[in-house]
Amino acid sequence: EVPEAIRKGKEAAMKNLVEIPMDENNSIPHDFLGEFGSASVLLKRAPEGTGIIAGGPVRSVVELAGIKNIRTKSLGSNNKTNVVLATIEGLTKLKTPEEVAKNRGKSVEDVVC
């Protein structure tokens, strides 16, 4: 029974994988506020060499996402489950400069500057 549950868990995880856009500094492309329930997590991009400035549950999530430079602030509820889900929600909503430019009907240079 246990091996079957592990297999099903792996399959469910593979179906829910998402790609996190990152810039050349291994940071996020833009600032974003992730929200879940009453918990909010502010994700801010950071220059090279900053490292991960984040509290407990948020730090674990951004490390597993492969982000090397980021600043975060947990707002509202400190419930660990909601903070983790708010962080994941924020990371999944990030967009690359190319996606933003396409949505706005502009060139990438216009969006980045």
PDB file of N, CA and C in Angstrom:
ATOM      1  N   GLU A   1       0.812  -1.199   0.000  1.00  0.00           N
ATOM      2  CA  GLU A   1       0.000   0.000   0.000  1.00  0.00           C
ATOM      3  C   GLU A   1       0.855   1.262   0.000  1.00  0.00           C
ATOM      4  N   VAL A   2       1.923   1.264   0.789  1.00  0.00           N
ATOM      5  CA  VAL A   2       2.767   2.455   0.883  1.00  0.00           C
ATOM      6  C   VAL A   2       3.461   2.751  -0.448  1.00  0.00           C
ATOM      7  N   PRO A   3       4.079   1.757  -1.132  1.00  0.00           N
ATOM      8  CA  PRO A   3       4.709   2.066  -2.423  1.00  0.00           C
ATOM      9  C   PRO A   3       3.715   2.612  -3.449  1.00  0.00           C
ATOM     10  N   GLU A   4       2.503   2.119  -3.408  1.00  0.00           N
ATOM     11  CA  GLU A   4       1.470   2.618  -4.324  1.00  0.00           C
ATOM     12  C   GLU A   4       1.148   4.080  -4.028  1.00  0.00           C
ATOM     13  N   ALA A   5       1.079   4.442  -2.761  1.00  0.00           N
ATOM     14  CA  ALA A   5       0.807   5.830  -2.375  1.00  0.00           C
ATOM     15  C   ALA A   5       1.954   6.743  -2.802  1.00  0.00           C
ATOM     16  N   ILE A   6       3.187   6.251  -2.668  1.00  0.00           N
ATOM     17  CA  ILE A   6       4.349   7.043  -3.093  1.00  0.00           C
ATOM     18  C   ILE A   6       4.304   7.266  -4.597  1.00  0.00           C
ATOM     19  N   ARG A   7       3.992   6.224  -5.360  1.00  0.00           N
ATOM     20  CA  ARG A   7       3.912   6.346  -6.817  1.00  0.00           C
ATOM     21  C   ARG A   7       2.839   7.356  -7.217  1.00  0.00           C
ATOM     22  N   LYS A   8       1.680   7.274  -6.587  1.00  0.00           N
ATOM     23  CA  LYS A   8       0.597   8.209  -6.897  1.00  0.00           C
ATOM     24  C   LYS A   8       0.982   9.639  -6.534  1.00  0.00           C
ATOM     25  N   GLY A   9       1.677   9.793  -5.421  1.00  0.00           N
ATOM     26  CA  GLY A   9       2.137  11.121  -5.018  1.00  0.00           C
ATOM     27  C   GLY A   9       3.106  11.712  -6.022  1.00  0.00           C
ATOM     28  N   LYS A  10       4.029  10.886  -6.522  1.00  0.00           N
ATOM     29  CA  LYS A  10       4.985  11.353  -7.534  1.00  0.00           C
ATOM     30  C   LYS A  10       4.268  11.755  -8.818  1.00  0.00           C
ATOM     31  N   GLU A  11       3.300  10.963  -9.237  1.00  0.00           N
ATOM     32  CA  GLU A  11       2.553  11.281 -10.456  1.00  0.00           C
ATOM     33  C   GLU A  11       1.792  12.593 -10.305  1.00  0.00           C
ATOM     34  N   ALA A  12       1.170  12.785  -9.152  1.00  0.00           N
ATOM     35  CA  ALA A  12       0.436  14.032  -8.913  1.00  0.00           C
ATOM     36  C   ALA A  12       1.390  15.220  -8.904  1.00  0.00           C
ATOM     37  N   ALA A  13       2.575  15.040  -8.323  1.00  0.00           N
ATOM     38  CA  ALA A  13       3.561  16.126  -8.288  1.00  0.00           C
ATOM     39  C   ALA A  13       4.048  16.464  -9.693  1.00  0.00           C
ATOM     40  N   MET A  14       4.280  15.460 -10.518  1.00  0.00           N
ATOM     41  CA  MET A  14       4.751  15.706 -11.885  1.00  0.00           C
ATOM     42  C   MET A  14       3.709  16.465 -12.703  1.00  0.00           C
ATOM     43  N   LYS A  15       2.431  16.217 -12.447  1.00  0.00           N
ATOM     44  CA  LYS A  15       1.372  16.921 -13.175  1.00  0.00           C
ATOM     45  C   LYS A  15       1.294  18.388 -12.781  1.00  0.00           C
ATOM     46  N   ASN A  16       1.727  18.714 -11.558  1.00  0.00           N
ATOM     47  CA  ASN A  16       1.588  20.075 -11.050  1.00  0.00           C
ATOM     48  C   ASN A  16       2.881  20.880 -11.082  1.00  0.00           C
ATOM     49  N   LEU A  17       3.899  20.397 -11.798  1.00  0.00           N
ATOM     50  CA  LEU A  17       5.147  21.149 -11.902  1.00  0.00           C
ATOM     51  C   LEU A  17       4.915  22.439 -12.682  1.00  0.00           C
ATOM     52  N   VAL A  18       5.563  23.520 -12.235  1.00  0.00           N
ATOM     53  CA  VAL A  18       5.487  24.793 -12.948  1.00  0.00           C
ATOM     54  C   VAL A  18       6.900  25.320 -13.139  1.00  0.00           C
ATOM     55  N   GLU A  19       7.090  26.125 -14.174  1.00  0.00           N
ATOM     56  CA  GLU A  19       8.384  26.732 -14.438  1.00  0.00           C
ATOM     57  C   GLU A  19       8.387  28.142 -13.861  1.00  0.00           C
ATOM     58  N   ILE A  20       9.408  28.452 -13.088  1.00  0.00           N
ATOM     59  CA  ILE A  20       9.539  29.768 -12.471  1.00  0.00           C
ATOM     60  C   ILE A  20      10.484  30.598 -13.328  1.00  0.00           C
ATOM     61  N   PRO A  21      10.013  31.722 -13.890  1.00  0.00           N
ATOM     62  CA  PRO A  21      10.931  32.556 -14.683  1.00  0.00           C
ATOM     63  C   PRO A  21      11.950  33.243 -13.785  1.00  0.00           C
ATOM     64  N   MET A  22      13.206  33.270 -14.245  1.00  0.00           N
ATOM     65  CA  MET A  22      14.269  33.946 -13.502  1.00  0.00           C
ATOM     66  C   MET A  22      15.083  34.801 -14.461  1.00  0.00           C
ATOM     67  N   ASP A  23      15.691  35.859 -13.916  1.00  0.00           N
ATOM     68  CA  ASP A  23      16.541  36.707 -14.737  1.00  0.00           C
ATOM     69  C   ASP A  23      17.984  36.200 -14.685  1.00  0.00           C
ATOM     70  N   GLU A  24      18.898  36.976 -15.257  1.00  0.00           N
ATOM     71  CA  GLU A  24      20.297  36.546 -15.333  1.00  0.00           C
ATOM     72  C   GLU A  24      20.979  36.479 -13.968  1.00  0.00           C
ATOM     73  N   ASN A  25      20.420  37.098 -12.951  1.00  0.00           N
ATOM     74  CA  ASN A  25      20.988  37.063 -11.598  1.00  0.00           C
ATOM     75  C   ASN A  25      20.393  35.949 -10.744  1.00  0.00           C
ATOM     76  N   ASN A  26      19.654  35.038 -11.348  1.00  0.00           N
ATOM     77  CA  ASN A  26      18.931  33.995 -10.608  1.00  0.00           C
ATOM     78  C   ASN A  26      17.985  34.603  -9.588  1.00  0.00           C
ATOM     79  N   SER A  27      17.349  35.707  -9.983  1.00  0.00           N
ATOM     80  CA  SER A  27      16.326  36.352  -9.173  1.00  0.00           C
ATOM     81  C   SER A  27      15.033  36.329  -9.983  1.00  0.00           C
ATOM     82  N   ILE A  28      13.963  36.830  -9.410  1.00  0.00           N
ATOM     83  CA  ILE A  28      12.695  36.873 -10.129  1.00  0.00           C
ATOM     84  C   ILE A  28      12.681  38.081 -11.068  1.00  0.00           C
ATOM     85  N   PRO A  29      11.913  38.034 -12.164  1.00  0.00           N
ATOM     86  CA  PRO A  29      11.940  39.133 -13.136  1.00  0.00           C
ATOM     87  C   PRO A  29      11.269  40.416 -12.662  1.00  0.00           C
ATOM     88  N   HIS A  30      10.353  40.337 -11.713  1.00  0.00           N
ATOM     89  CA  HIS A  30       9.680  41.535 -11.209  1.00  0.00           C
ATOM     90  C   HIS A  30       9.132  41.258  -9.812  1.00  0.00           C
ATOM     91  N   ASP A  31       8.801  42.328  -9.088  1.00  0.00           N
ATOM     92  CA  ASP A  31       8.239  42.194  -7.740  1.00  0.00           C
ATOM     93  C   ASP A  31       6.793  41.708  -7.841  1.00  0.00           C
ATOM     94  N   PHE A  32       6.359  40.965  -6.827  1.00  0.00           N
ATOM     95  CA  PHE A  32       4.997  40.443  -6.858  1.00  0.00           C
ATOM     96  C   PHE A  32       4.524  40.175  -5.436  1.00  0.00           C
ATOM     97  N   LEU A  33       3.228  40.288  -5.228  1.00  0.00           N
ATOM     98  CA  LEU A  33       2.615  39.992  -3.937  1.00  0.00           C
ATOM     99  C   LEU A  33       1.750  38.747  -4.093  1.00  0.00           C
ATOM    100  N   GLY A  34       2.159  37.658  -3.438  1.00  0.00           N
ATOM    101  CA  GLY A  34       1.379  36.433  -3.450  1.00  0.00           C
ATOM    102  C   GLY A  34       0.440  36.422  -2.264  1.00  0.00           C
ATOM    103  N   GLU A  35      -0.794  35.995  -2.490  1.00  0.00           N
ATOM    104  CA  GLU A  35      -1.789  35.985  -1.417  1.00  0.00           C
ATOM    105  C   GLU A  35      -2.493  34.637  -1.360  1.00  0.00           C
ATOM    106  N   PHE A  36      -2.713  34.168  -0.147  1.00  0.00           N
ATOM    107  CA  PHE A  36      -3.520  32.977   0.074  1.00  0.00           C
ATOM    108  C   PHE A  36      -4.173  33.134   1.431  1.00  0.00           C
ATOM    109  N   GLY A  37      -5.491  33.088   1.450  1.00  0.00           N
ATOM    110  CA  GLY A  37      -6.206  33.326   2.702  1.00  0.00           C
ATOM    111  C   GLY A  37      -5.862  34.715   3.216  1.00  0.00           C
ATOM    112  N   SER A  38      -5.495  34.816   4.479  1.00  0.00           N
ATOM    113  CA  SER A  38      -5.121  36.120   5.025  1.00  0.00           C
ATOM    114  C   SER A  38      -3.608  36.317   5.029  1.00  0.00           C
ATOM    115  N   ALA A  39      -2.871  35.375   4.447  1.00  0.00           N
ATOM    116  CA  ALA A  39      -1.413  35.501   4.378  1.00  0.00           C
ATOM    117  C   ALA A  39      -1.015  36.129   3.053  1.00  0.00           C
ATOM    118  N   SER A  40      -0.055  37.037   3.112  1.00  0.00           N
ATOM    119  CA  SER A  40       0.507  37.654   1.916  1.00  0.00           C
ATOM    120  C   SER A  40       2.018  37.579   2.018  1.00  0.00           C
ATOM    121  N   VAL A  41       2.665  37.367   0.874  1.00  0.00           N
ATOM    122  CA  VAL A  41       4.121  37.332   0.832  1.00  0.00           C
ATOM    123  C   VAL A  41       4.577  38.243  -0.293  1.00  0.00           C
ATOM    124  N   LEU A  42       5.367  39.252   0.054  1.00  0.00           N
ATOM    125  CA  LEU A  42       5.927  40.174  -0.924  1.00  0.00           C
ATOM    126  C   LEU A  42       7.237  39.588  -1.418  1.00  0.00           C
ATOM    127  N   LEU A  43       7.328  39.356  -2.725  1.00  0.00           N
ATOM    128  CA  LEU A  43       8.536  38.824  -3.350  1.00  0.00           C
ATOM    129  C   LEU A  43       9.192  39.962  -4.120  1.00  0.00           C
ATOM    130  N   LYS A  44      10.430  40.297  -3.773  1.00  0.00           N
ATOM    131  CA  LYS A  44      11.127  41.406  -4.420  1.00  0.00           C
ATOM    132  C   LYS A  44      12.406  40.895  -5.061  1.00  0.00           C
ATOM    133  N   ARG A  45      12.667  41.362  -6.282  1.00  0.00           N
ATOM    134  CA  ARG A  45      13.895  40.953  -6.953  1.00  0.00           C
ATOM    135  C   ARG A  45      15.088  41.558  -6.241  1.00  0.00           C
ATOM    136  N   ALA A  46      16.236  40.934  -6.416  1.00  0.00           N
ATOM    137  CA  ALA A  46      17.441  41.383  -5.724  1.00  0.00           C
ATOM    138  C   ALA A  46      18.640  41.252  -6.656  1.00  0.00           C
ATOM    139  N   PRO A  47      19.635  42.128  -6.495  1.00  0.00           N
ATOM    140  CA  PRO A  47      20.830  42.044  -7.341  1.00  0.00           C
ATOM    141  C   PRO A  47      21.704  40.845  -6.969  1.00  0.00           C
ATOM    142  N   GLU A  48      22.642  40.536  -7.849  1.00  0.00           N
ATOM    143  CA  GLU A  48      23.578  39.437  -7.635  1.00  0.00           C
ATOM    144  C   GLU A  48      24.323  39.624  -6.316  1.00  0.00           C
ATOM    145  N   GLY A  49      24.460  38.550  -5.553  1.00  0.00           N
ATOM    146  CA  GLY A  49      25.195  38.597  -4.300  1.00  0.00           C
ATOM    147  C   GLY A  49      24.338  38.863  -3.076  1.00  0.00           C
ATOM    148  N   THR A  50      23.059  39.148  -3.272  1.00  0.00           N
ATOM    149  CA  THR A  50      22.178  39.417  -2.136  1.00  0.00           C
ATOM    150  C   THR A  50      21.887  38.150  -1.349  1.00  0.00           C
ATOM    151  N   GLY A  51      21.670  37.068  -2.045  1.00  0.00           N
ATOM    152  CA  GLY A  51      21.300  35.819  -1.390  1.00  0.00           C
ATOM    153  C   GLY A  51      19.805  35.769  -1.138  1.00  0.00           C
ATOM    154  N   ILE A  52      19.390  34.831  -0.322  1.00  0.00           N
ATOM    155  CA  ILE A  52      17.973  34.662  -0.011  1.00  0.00           C
ATOM    156  C   ILE A  52      17.691  35.313   1.335  1.00  0.00           C
ATOM    157  N   ILE A  53      16.936  36.392   1.300  1.00  0.00           N
ATOM    158  CA  ILE A  53      16.523  37.066   2.527  1.00  0.00           C
ATOM    159  C   ILE A  53      15.049  36.738   2.716  1.00  0.00           C
ATOM    160  N   ALA A  54      14.792  35.718   3.520  1.00  0.00           N
ATOM    161  CA  ALA A  54      13.423  35.240   3.704  1.00  0.00           C
ATOM    162  C   ALA A  54      13.320  34.501   5.030  1.00  0.00           C
ATOM    163  N   GLY A  55      12.121  34.488   5.574  1.00  0.00           N
ATOM    164  CA  GLY A  55      11.866  33.775   6.813  1.00  0.00           C
ATOM    165  C   GLY A  55      11.544  32.318   6.549  1.00  0.00           C
ATOM    166  N   GLY A  56      11.619  31.503   7.556  1.00  0.00           N
ATOM    167  CA  GLY A  56      11.432  30.059   7.560  1.00  0.00           C
ATOM    168  C   GLY A  56      10.742  29.396   6.393  1.00  0.00           C
ATOM    169  N   PRO A  57       9.403  29.390   6.347  1.00  0.00           N
ATOM    170  CA  PRO A  57       8.716  28.645   5.299  1.00  0.00           C
ATOM    171  C   PRO A  57       8.960  29.211   3.903  1.00  0.00           C
ATOM    172  N   VAL A  58       9.084  30.514   3.795  1.00  0.00           N
ATOM    173  CA  VAL A  58       9.311  31.135   2.483  1.00  0.00           C
ATOM    174  C   VAL A  58      10.695  30.753   1.969  1.00  0.00           C
ATOM    175  N   ARG A  59      11.683  30.741   2.849  1.00  0.00           N
ATOM    176  CA  ARG A  59      13.052  30.384   2.464  1.00  0.00           C
ATOM    177  C   ARG A  59      13.090  28.984   1.851  1.00  0.00           C
ATOM    178  N   SER A  60      12.406  28.043   2.466  1.00  0.00           N
ATOM    179  CA  SER A  60      12.389  26.671   1.956  1.00  0.00           C
ATOM    180  C   SER A  60      11.827  26.615   0.547  1.00  0.00           C
ATOM    181  N   VAL A  61      10.750  27.333   0.302  1.00  0.00           N
ATOM    182  CA  VAL A  61      10.106  27.306  -1.014  1.00  0.00           C
ATOM    183  C   VAL A  61      11.013  27.919  -2.072  1.00  0.00           C
ATOM    184  N   VAL A  62      11.601  29.094  -1.800  1.00  0.00           N
ATOM    185  CA  VAL A  62      12.425  29.746  -2.829  1.00  0.00           C
ATOM    186  C   VAL A  62      13.726  28.985  -3.062  1.00  0.00           C
ATOM    187  N   GLU A  63      14.272  28.334  -2.039  1.00  0.00           N
ATOM    188  CA  GLU A  63      15.454  27.498  -2.249  1.00  0.00           C
ATOM    189  C   GLU A  63      15.125  26.325  -3.161  1.00  0.00           C
ATOM    190  N   LEU A  64      13.990  25.677  -2.930  1.00  0.00           N
ATOM    191  CA  LEU A  64      13.589  24.548  -3.766  1.00  0.00           C
ATOM    192  C   LEU A  64      13.254  24.980  -5.187  1.00  0.00           C
ATOM    193  N   ALA A  65      12.843  26.232  -5.366  1.00  0.00           N
ATOM    194  CA  ALA A  65      12.546  26.748  -6.704  1.00  0.00           C
ATOM    195  C   ALA A  65      13.823  27.086  -7.468  1.00  0.00           C
ATOM    196  N   GLY A  66      14.969  27.119  -6.790  1.00  0.00           N
ATOM    197  CA  GLY A  66      16.231  27.400  -7.460  1.00  0.00           C
ATOM    198  C   GLY A  66      16.589  28.869  -7.520  1.00  0.00           C
ATOM    199  N   ILE A  67      15.883  29.696  -6.796  1.00  0.00           N
ATOM    200  CA  ILE A  67      16.154  31.134  -6.790  1.00  0.00           C
ATOM    201  C   ILE A  67      17.328  31.396  -5.847  1.00  0.00           C
ATOM    202  N   LYS A  68      18.297  32.195  -6.312  1.00  0.00           N
ATOM    203  CA  LYS A  68      19.504  32.457  -5.525  1.00  0.00           C
ATOM    204  C   LYS A  68      19.511  33.843  -4.884  1.00  0.00           C
ATOM    205  N   ASN A  69      18.825  34.820  -5.486  1.00  0.00           N
ATOM    206  CA  ASN A  69      18.827  36.199  -4.991  1.00  0.00           C
ATOM    207  C   ASN A  69      17.396  36.712  -4.922  1.00  0.00           C
ATOM    208  N   ILE A  70      16.900  36.926  -3.716  1.00  0.00           N
ATOM    209  CA  ILE A  70      15.526  37.405  -3.551  1.00  0.00           C
ATOM    210  C   ILE A  70      15.368  37.994  -2.150  1.00  0.00           C
ATOM    211  N   ARG A  71      14.490  38.978  -2.044  1.00  0.00           N
ATOM    212  CA  ARG A  71      14.109  39.534  -0.743  1.00  0.00           C
ATOM    213  C   ARG A  71      12.614  39.295  -0.589  1.00  0.00           C
ATOM    214  N   THR A  72      12.192  38.877   0.587  1.00  0.00           N
ATOM    215  CA  THR A  72      10.771  38.618   0.804  1.00  0.00           C
ATOM    216  C   THR A  72      10.330  39.221   2.125  1.00  0.00           C
ATOM    217  N   LYS A  73       9.040  39.463   2.216  1.00  0.00           N
ATOM    218  CA  LYS A  73       8.441  39.942   3.462  1.00  0.00           C
ATOM    219  C   LYS A  73       7.095  39.254   3.604  1.00  0.00           C
ATOM    220  N   SER A  74       6.902  38.596   4.733  1.00  0.00           N
ATOM    221  CA  SER A  74       5.639  37.940   5.022  1.00  0.00           C
ATOM    222  C   SER A  74       4.718  38.939   5.714  1.00  0.00           C
ATOM    223  N   LEU A  75       3.524  39.103   5.170  1.00  0.00           N
ATOM    224  CA  LEU A  75       2.554  40.062   5.697  1.00  0.00           C
ATOM    225  C   LEU A  75       1.280  39.327   6.109  1.00  0.00           C
ATOM    226  N   GLY A  76       0.553  39.888   7.024  1.00  0.00           N
ATOM    227  CA  GLY A  76      -0.720  39.293   7.433  1.00  0.00           C
ATOM    228  C   GLY A  76      -0.503  38.084   8.318  1.00  0.00           C
ATOM    229  N   SER A  77      -1.208  37.020   8.022  1.00  0.00           N
ATOM    230  CA  SER A  77      -1.177  35.814   8.839  1.00  0.00           C
ATOM    231  C   SER A  77       0.206  35.169   8.830  1.00  0.00           C
ATOM    232  N   ASN A  78       0.605  34.598   9.955  1.00  0.00           N
ATOM    233  CA  ASN A  78       1.868  33.871  10.044  1.00  0.00           C
ATOM    234  C   ASN A  78       1.656  32.360  10.017  1.00  0.00           C
ATOM    235  N   ASN A  79       0.459  31.923   9.661  1.00  0.00           N
ATOM    236  CA  ASN A  79       0.171  30.503   9.543  1.00  0.00           C
ATOM    237  C   ASN A  79       1.095  29.917   8.473  1.00  0.00           C
ATOM    238  N   LYS A  80       1.918  28.942   8.840  1.00  0.00           N
ATOM    239  CA  LYS A  80       2.953  28.437   7.936  1.00  0.00           C
ATOM    240  C   LYS A  80       2.382  27.863   6.646  1.00  0.00           C
ATOM    241  N   THR A  81       1.293  27.143   6.743  1.00  0.00           N
ATOM    242  CA  THR A  81       0.685  26.566   5.548  1.00  0.00           C
ATOM    243  C   THR A  81       0.243  27.656   4.584  1.00  0.00           C
ATOM    244  N   ASN A  82      -0.435  28.678   5.086  1.00  0.00           N
ATOM    245  CA  ASN A  82      -0.904  29.761   4.224  1.00  0.00           C
ATOM    246  C   ASN A  82       0.253  30.577   3.666  1.00  0.00           C
ATOM    247  N   VAL A  83       1.323  30.753   4.437  1.00  0.00           N
ATOM    248  CA  VAL A  83       2.491  31.490   3.949  1.00  0.00           C
ATOM    249  C   VAL A  83       3.152  30.724   2.803  1.00  0.00           C
ATOM    250  N   VAL A  84       3.290  29.414   2.943  1.00  0.00           N
ATOM    251  CA  VAL A  84       3.868  28.597   1.872  1.00  0.00           C
ATOM    252  C   VAL A  84       2.997  28.665   0.627  1.00  0.00           C
ATOM    253  N   LEU A  85       1.692  28.528   0.786  1.00  0.00           N
ATOM    254  CA  LEU A  85       0.792  28.569  -0.367  1.00  0.00           C
ATOM    255  C   LEU A  85       0.771  29.952  -1.010  1.00  0.00           C
ATOM    256  N   ALA A  86       0.900  31.015  -0.228  1.00  0.00           N
ATOM    257  CA  ALA A  86       0.976  32.369  -0.784  1.00  0.00           C
ATOM    258  C   ALA A  86       2.266  32.540  -1.581  1.00  0.00           C
ATOM    259  N   THR A  87       3.360  31.977  -1.094  1.00  0.00           N
ATOM    260  CA  THR A  87       4.636  32.045  -1.813  1.00  0.00           C
ATOM    261  C   THR A  87       4.542  31.304  -3.138  1.00  0.00           C
ATOM    262  N   ILE A  88       3.995  30.109  -3.116  1.00  0.00           N
ATOM    263  CA  ILE A  88       3.843  29.322  -4.343  1.00  0.00           C
ATOM    264  C   ILE A  88       2.932  30.048  -5.321  1.00  0.00           C
ATOM    265  N   GLU A  89       1.849  30.625  -4.827  1.00  0.00           N
ATOM    266  CA  GLU A  89       0.925  31.369  -5.691  1.00  0.00           C
ATOM    267  C   GLU A  89       1.637  32.550  -6.335  1.00  0.00           C
ATOM    268  N   GLY A  90       2.454  33.257  -5.562  1.00  0.00           N
ATOM    269  CA  GLY A  90       3.196  34.389  -6.105  1.00  0.00           C
ATOM    270  C   GLY A  90       4.198  33.964  -7.161  1.00  0.00           C
ATOM    271  N   LEU A  91       4.911  32.879  -6.918  1.00  0.00           N
ATOM    272  CA  LEU A  91       5.910  32.406  -7.877  1.00  0.00           C
ATOM    273  C   LEU A  91       5.270  31.913  -9.170  1.00  0.00           C
ATOM    274  N   THR A  92       4.108  31.282  -9.074  1.00  0.00           N
ATOM    275  CA  THR A  92       3.464  30.777 -10.290  1.00  0.00           C
ATOM    276  C   THR A  92       2.867  31.893 -11.135  1.00  0.00           C
ATOM    277  N   LYS A  93       2.578  33.046 -10.542  1.00  0.00           N
ATOM    278  CA  LYS A  93       1.989  34.159 -11.293  1.00  0.00           C
ATOM    279  C   LYS A  93       3.042  35.063 -11.949  1.00  0.00           C
ATOM    280  N   LEU A  94       4.326  34.803 -11.715  1.00  0.00           N
ATOM    281  CA  LEU A  94       5.375  35.629 -12.318  1.00  0.00           C
ATOM    282  C   LEU A  94       5.362  35.470 -13.830  1.00  0.00           C
ATOM    283  N   LYS A  95       5.697  36.545 -14.531  1.00  0.00           N
ATOM    284  CA  LYS A  95       5.735  36.527 -15.990  1.00  0.00           C
ATOM    285  C   LYS A  95       7.100  37.002 -16.470  1.00  0.00           C
ATOM    286  N   THR A  96       7.529  36.471 -17.602  1.00  0.00           N
ATOM    287  CA  THR A  96       8.777  36.919 -18.205  1.00  0.00           C
ATOM    288  C   THR A  96       8.533  38.245 -18.910  1.00  0.00           C
ATOM    289  N   PRO A  97       9.586  39.031 -19.159  1.00  0.00           N
ATOM    290  CA  PRO A  97       9.404  40.282 -19.908  1.00  0.00           C
ATOM    291  C   PRO A  97       8.787  40.051 -21.288  1.00  0.00           C
ATOM    292  N   GLU A  98       9.092  38.914 -21.899  1.00  0.00           N
ATOM    293  CA  GLU A  98       8.523  38.601 -23.216  1.00  0.00           C
ATOM    294  C   GLU A  98       7.009  38.426 -23.131  1.00  0.00           C
ATOM    295  N   GLU A  99       6.534  37.742 -22.084  1.00  0.00           N
ATOM    296  CA  GLU A  99       5.090  37.548 -21.914  1.00  0.00           C
ATOM    297  C   GLU A  99       4.383  38.877 -21.668  1.00  0.00           C
ATOM    298  N   VAL A 100       4.983  39.737 -20.854  1.00  0.00           N
ATOM    299  CA  VAL A 100       4.385  41.042 -20.566  1.00  0.00           C
ATOM    300  C   VAL A 100       4.320  41.877 -21.836  1.00  0.00           C
ATOM    301  N   ALA A 101       5.401  41.862 -22.622  1.00  0.00           N
ATOM    302  CA  ALA A 101       5.434  42.631 -23.869  1.00  0.00           C
ATOM    303  C   ALA A 101       4.373  42.128 -24.841  1.00  0.00           C
ATOM    304  N   LYS A 102       4.223  40.819 -24.934  1.00  0.00           N
ATOM    305  CA  LYS A 102       3.221  40.247 -25.842  1.00  0.00           C
ATOM    306  C   LYS A 102       1.811  40.646 -25.413  1.00  0.00           C
ATOM    307  N   ASN A 103       1.523  40.589 -24.112  1.00  0.00           N
ATOM    308  CA  ASN A 103       0.196  40.958 -23.609  1.00  0.00           C
ATOM    309  C   ASN A 103      -0.117  42.428 -23.841  1.00  0.00           C
ATOM    310  N   ARG A 104       0.904  43.278 -23.760  1.00  0.00           N
ATOM    311  CA  ARG A 104       0.702  44.714 -23.938  1.00  0.00           C
ATOM    312  C   ARG A 104       0.811  45.152 -25.391  1.00  0.00           C
ATOM    313  N   GLY A 105       1.269  44.260 -26.261  1.00  0.00           N
ATOM    314  CA  GLY A 105       1.428  44.614 -27.666  1.00  0.00           C
ATOM    315  C   GLY A 105       2.600  45.553 -27.903  1.00  0.00           C
ATOM    316  N   LYS A 106       3.636  45.427 -27.102  1.00  0.00           N
ATOM    317  CA  LYS A 106       4.815  46.279 -27.225  1.00  0.00           C
ATOM    318  C   LYS A 106       6.049  45.410 -27.404  1.00  0.00           C
ATOM    319  N   SER A 107       7.179  46.068 -27.670  1.00  0.00           N
ATOM    320  CA  SER A 107       8.430  45.329 -27.775  1.00  0.00           C
ATOM    321  C   SER A 107       8.999  45.101 -26.372  1.00  0.00           C
ATOM    322  N   VAL A 108       9.899  44.144 -26.272  1.00  0.00           N
ATOM    323  CA  VAL A 108      10.505  43.819 -24.981  1.00  0.00           C
ATOM    324  C   VAL A 108      11.298  45.013 -24.454  1.00  0.00           C
ATOM    325  N   GLU A 109      11.946  45.762 -25.343  1.00  0.00           N
ATOM    326  CA  GLU A 109      12.735  46.925 -24.926  1.00  0.00           C
ATOM    327  C   GLU A 109      11.852  47.984 -24.275  1.00  0.00           C
ATOM    328  N   ASP A 110      10.634  48.174 -24.797  1.00  0.00           N
ATOM    329  CA  ASP A 110       9.711  49.153 -24.213  1.00  0.00           C
ATOM    330  C   ASP A 110       9.265  48.737 -22.810  1.00  0.00           C
ATOM    331  N   VAL A 111       9.095  47.448 -22.602  1.00  0.00           N
ATOM    332  CA  VAL A 111       8.616  46.949 -21.313  1.00  0.00           C
ATOM    333  C   VAL A 111       9.727  46.980 -20.270  1.00  0.00           C
ATOM    334  N   VAL A 112      10.936  46.601 -20.653  1.00  0.00           N
ATOM    335  CA  VAL A 112      12.045  46.509 -19.708  1.00  0.00           C
ATOM    336  C   VAL A 112      12.490  47.888 -19.243  1.00  0.00           C
ATOM    337  N   CYS A 113      12.481  48.861 -20.127  1.00  0.00           N
ATOM    338  CA  CYS A 113      12.965  50.205 -19.758  1.00  0.00           C
ATOM    339  C   CYS A 113      11.965  50.989 -18.956  1.00  0.00           C
TER     340      CYS A 113
END
